[in-house]
Protein backbone atom coordinates (compact mmCIF):
# COMPACT_ATOMS: atom_id res chain seq x y z
CA MET A 1 19.68 27.20 9.96
CA SER A 2 17.94 28.14 13.16
CA TRP A 3 16.64 25.71 15.75
CA VAL A 4 13.11 26.22 14.38
CA GLY A 5 14.31 25.08 10.97
CA VAL A 6 15.95 22.01 12.47
CA LEU A 7 12.76 21.21 14.39
CA VAL A 8 10.63 21.59 11.25
CA LEU A 9 13.06 19.36 9.34
CA ILE A 10 12.91 16.64 12.02
CA VAL A 11 9.11 16.72 12.17
CA GLY A 12 8.91 16.65 8.37
CA LEU A 13 11.18 13.61 8.16
CA TYR A 14 9.19 11.85 10.87
CA LEU A 15 5.92 12.48 9.02
CA ALA A 16 7.45 11.40 5.71
CA PHE A 17 8.50 8.07 7.23
CA LYS A 18 5.00 7.63 8.67
CA VAL A 19 3.40 8.27 5.27
CA VAL A 20 5.75 5.86 3.49
CA SER A 21 5.10 3.22 6.13
CA PHE A 22 1.34 3.61 5.70
CA LEU A 23 1.59 3.38 1.90
CA LEU A 24 3.69 0.22 2.12
CA LYS A 25 1.16 -1.37 4.48
CA VAL A 26 -1.67 -0.52 2.09
CA ALA A 27 0.30 -1.98 -0.82
CA MET A 28 1.00 -5.18 1.12
CA TRP A 29 -2.68 -5.59 1.98
CA GLY A 30 -3.46 -5.11 -1.71
CA VAL A 31 -1.06 -7.92 -2.58
CA VAL A 32 -2.57 -10.18 0.10
CA ILE A 33 -6.13 -9.54 -1.13
CA ALA A 34 -5.13 -10.09 -4.78
CA ALA A 35 -3.36 -13.35 -3.89
CA ALA A 36 -6.35 -14.57 -1.89
CA TYR A 37 -8.68 -13.76 -4.80
CA TRP A 38 -6.30 -15.50 -7.23
CA VAL A 39 -6.49 -18.68 -5.12
CA VAL A 40 -10.21 -18.58 -4.26
CA ALA A 41 -11.67 -17.40 -7.59
CA PRO A 42 -11.32 -20.69 -9.52
CA LEU A 43 -12.79 -22.65 -6.63
CA VAL A 44 -16.00 -20.62 -6.42
CA GLY A 45 -16.45 -19.88 -10.12
CA TRP A 46 -15.50 -16.20 -10.11
CA PRO A 47 -13.71 -14.71 -13.13
CA PRO A 48 -9.91 -14.87 -13.10
CA LEU A 49 -8.02 -11.87 -11.80
CA MET A 50 -6.72 -10.84 -15.23
CA GLU A 51 -10.26 -10.69 -16.67
CA LEU A 52 -11.19 -8.08 -14.07
CA PHE A 53 -8.57 -5.66 -15.44
CA ALA A 54 -8.93 -6.44 -19.16
CA ALA A 55 -10.43 -3.57 -21.09
């Protein structure tokens, strides 16, 4: 493998870690928002979380 291949591999791994980090942050914010809705919904009269996803 040439030095260009090694450089491309290193940059690819770096970008892959950045993408995975971003996706985990988005997933965590989704969990935080769902938990906040789960706590607040009964207090303000909104439908429960499971009713939003029931078909």
